[in-house]
Amino acid sequence: MYTASALSGGKPEQYAQLVEQARALLDGERDRVANAANLSALVNQSLPQLNWVGFYFYDGRELVVGPFQGLPACVRIPLDKGVCGAAASSRQTQRVADVHDFPGHIACDAASRSEVVVPLLRGEELIGVFDLDSPVPERFDADDQAGLEALARVYLESLA
């Protein structure tokens, strides 16, 4: 059963706690929209210095905005544009210290300075991406990347 609780310890410990909370929150639900909505809210409420947390789903041609927390977002993102497009097309997590230095960055929220995008893959099939933005340059480090990739796996497992 899901119970909200404050995170404690260092980043790896906090992400381990967040993964357990996410597992409990998504347990028994298979709907991708419902789970994306709840996971976005959980992460947004749990982690500091974020201004956007959400999902884009792949429709076979491009990424289309899904559930999120933050300011209104770009609705459609081609796979050859922005950090989300790079994560989707390369099938690799993109961690960007300063989005202003990223070629082709799409500024949905002008306040965003750093970003991490985790591709959501079921085998070779692209489901979409899990996207987090921060108004703080260099907000995301390797511990954040590992923790967010673990959360993405929890989300994908919930769809099985």
Protein backbone atom coordinates (compact mmCIF):
# COMPACT_ATOMS: atom_id res chain seq x y z
CA MET A 1 0.00 0.00 0.00
CA TYR A 2 1.27 3.48 -0.91
CA THR A 3 2.18 5.82 1.92
CA ALA A 4 3.74 9.23 1.32
CA SER A 5 6.84 9.78 3.40
CA ALA A 6 9.73 12.22 3.40
CA LEU A 7 12.91 10.99 1.78
CA SER A 8 16.04 10.70 3.92
CA GLY A 9 19.73 9.93 3.50
CA GLY A 10 21.91 10.59 0.48
CA LYS A 11 20.67 10.61 -3.09
CA PRO A 12 21.02 6.85 -3.68
CA GLU A 13 19.05 6.12 -0.51
CA GLN A 14 16.42 8.72 -1.39
CA TYR A 15 15.93 7.24 -4.84
CA ALA A 16 15.67 3.74 -3.36
CA GLN A 17 12.89 5.03 -1.07
CA LEU A 18 11.22 6.80 -3.99
CA VAL A 19 11.33 3.60 -6.09
CA GLU A 20 9.56 1.72 -3.28
CA GLN A 21 6.94 4.46 -2.99
CA ALA A 22 6.43 4.37 -6.76
CA ARG A 23 6.03 0.58 -6.75
CA ALA A 24 3.38 0.84 -4.04
CA LEU A 25 1.62 3.71 -5.81
CA LEU A 26 1.44 1.93 -9.18
CA ASP A 27 0.76 -1.54 -7.76
CA GLY A 28 -2.19 -3.23 -9.44
CA GLU A 29 -2.82 -0.48 -11.99
CA ARG A 30 -1.99 -1.12 -15.65
CA ASP A 31 -3.26 2.07 -17.30
CA ARG A 32 -0.31 4.01 -18.73
CA VAL A 33 -1.97 7.42 -18.39
CA ALA A 34 -3.04 6.89 -14.77
CA ASN A 35 0.40 5.60 -13.81
CA ALA A 36 2.23 8.38 -15.66
CA ALA A 37 0.03 10.96 -13.91
CA ASN A 38 0.66 9.54 -10.45
CA LEU A 39 4.39 9.01 -11.02
CA SER A 40 4.78 12.59 -12.30
CA ALA A 41 3.04 13.93 -9.20
CA LEU A 42 5.07 11.73 -6.85
CA VAL A 43 8.41 12.76 -8.35
CA ASN A 44 7.45 16.43 -8.55
CA GLN A 45 6.46 16.47 -4.87
CA SER A 46 9.47 14.44 -3.71
CA LEU A 47 12.48 15.92 -5.48
CA PRO A 48 13.73 19.49 -5.08
CA GLN A 49 14.53 22.09 -7.75
CA LEU A 50 12.26 20.80 -10.51
CA ASN A 51 10.00 22.91 -12.72
CA TRP A 52 8.65 20.17 -15.01
CA VAL A 53 8.17 16.41 -14.61
CA GLY A 54 6.27 14.33 -17.09
CA PHE A 55 5.86 11.95 -19.95
CA TYR A 56 5.78 12.09 -23.70
CA PHE A 57 4.34 9.08 -25.51
CA TYR A 58 5.49 7.91 -28.93
CA ASP A 59 2.62 7.67 -31.43
CA GLY A 60 4.61 5.99 -34.19
CA ARG A 61 5.83 9.26 -35.72
CA GLU A 62 6.61 11.72 -32.92
CA LEU A 63 6.40 12.29 -29.17
CA VAL A 64 3.06 13.56 -27.84
CA VAL A 65 2.72 15.13 -24.41
CA GLY A 66 1.24 12.93 -21.70
CA PRO A 67 0.61 13.52 -18.01
CA PHE A 68 2.92 16.06 -16.38
CA GLN A 69 3.44 18.53 -13.55
CA GLY A 70 4.56 22.04 -14.51
CA LEU A 71 3.75 24.82 -16.94
CA PRO A 72 1.91 23.99 -20.18
CA ALA A 73 4.18 22.00 -22.46
CA CYS A 74 5.04 21.56 -26.10
CA VAL A 75 2.41 19.16 -27.42
CA ARG A 76 4.40 17.38 -30.15
CA ILE A 77 8.14 16.80 -30.43
CA PRO A 78 9.74 15.30 -33.57
CA LEU A 79 12.36 12.63 -32.88
CA ASP A 80 15.04 14.85 -34.43
CA LYS A 81 14.39 17.83 -32.11
CA GLY A 82 15.37 18.66 -28.56
CA VAL A 83 16.55 16.61 -25.63
CA CYS A 84 13.39 14.46 -25.65
CA GLY A 85 13.83 13.69 -29.34
CA ALA A 86 17.49 12.80 -28.77
CA ALA A 87 16.60 10.39 -25.95
CA ALA A 88 13.86 8.78 -28.03
CA SER A 89 15.89 8.42 -31.22
CA SER A 90 19.13 7.27 -29.53
CA ARG A 91 17.28 5.08 -26.99
CA GLN A 92 19.71 6.44 -24.38
CA THR A 93 19.22 8.69 -21.38
CA GLN A 94 20.15 12.29 -22.08
CA ARG A 95 21.50 14.31 -19.13
CA VAL A 96 22.08 17.94 -20.05
CA ALA A 97 23.85 20.28 -17.62
CA ASP A 98 22.80 23.44 -19.48
CA VAL A 99 20.03 23.21 -22.05
CA HIS A 100 21.19 26.44 -23.68
CA ASP A 101 24.27 24.52 -24.84
CA PHE A 102 22.21 21.67 -26.35
CA PRO A 103 21.84 21.97 -30.14
CA GLY A 104 18.20 22.09 -31.12
CA HIS A 105 16.88 22.49 -27.56
CA ILE A 106 13.15 23.18 -27.46
CA ALA A 107 12.32 25.80 -24.83
CA CYS A 108 8.84 24.84 -23.63
CA ASP A 109 9.58 26.64 -20.34
CA ALA A 110 12.12 29.47 -20.59
CA ALA A 111 13.06 28.94 -16.92
CA SER A 112 14.47 25.45 -17.59
CA ARG A 113 18.25 25.30 -17.42
CA SER A 114 19.05 21.59 -17.04
CA GLU A 115 17.23 18.47 -18.12
CA VAL A 116 17.30 14.69 -17.96
CA VAL A 117 15.24 12.50 -20.28
CA VAL A 118 14.94 8.72 -19.89
CA PRO A 119 13.67 6.71 -22.88
CA LEU A 120 10.86 4.27 -22.10
CA LEU A 121 11.49 1.02 -23.94
CA ARG A 122 9.66 -2.30 -23.91
CA GLY A 123 12.30 -4.48 -25.53
CA GLU A 124 13.08 -2.59 -28.74
CA GLU A 125 9.69 -0.82 -28.78
CA LEU A 126 9.75 2.89 -27.93
CA ILE A 127 6.87 3.73 -25.58
CA GLY A 128 7.95 7.32 -24.94
CA VAL A 129 10.18 9.33 -22.61
CA PHE A 130 10.23 10.40 -18.95
CA ASP A 131 11.34 14.05 -18.86
CA LEU A 132 12.48 16.24 -15.96
CA ASP A 133 13.51 19.90 -16.14
CA SER A 134 15.11 22.15 -13.54
CA PRO A 135 15.63 25.91 -13.37
CA VAL A 136 19.07 25.16 -11.88
CA PRO A 137 22.05 24.52 -14.18
CA GLU A 138 23.75 21.15 -13.55
CA ARG A 139 20.86 20.02 -11.30
CA PHE A 140 21.11 16.38 -12.38
CA ASP A 141 24.11 14.13 -11.69
CA ALA A 142 24.86 10.44 -12.17
CA ASP A 143 22.93 9.52 -9.00
CA ASP A 144 19.86 11.33 -10.33
CA GLN A 145 20.20 9.60 -13.68
CA ALA A 146 20.45 6.16 -12.07
CA GLY A 147 17.51 6.88 -9.77
CA LEU A 148 15.31 8.23 -12.57
CA GLU A 149 16.16 5.26 -14.78
CA ALA A 150 15.07 2.99 -11.89
CA LEU A 151 11.78 4.92 -11.62
CA ALA A 152 11.27 4.56 -15.37
CA ARG A 153 11.71 0.79 -14.99
CA VAL A 154 9.04 0.75 -12.26
CA TYR A 155 6.70 2.59 -14.63
CA LEU A 156 7.39 0.14 -17.47
CA GLU A 157 6.92 -2.85 -15.15
CA SER A 158 3.50 -1.46 -14.17
CA LEU A 159 2.35 -1.73 -17.79
CA ALA A 160 3.20 -5.43 -18.13
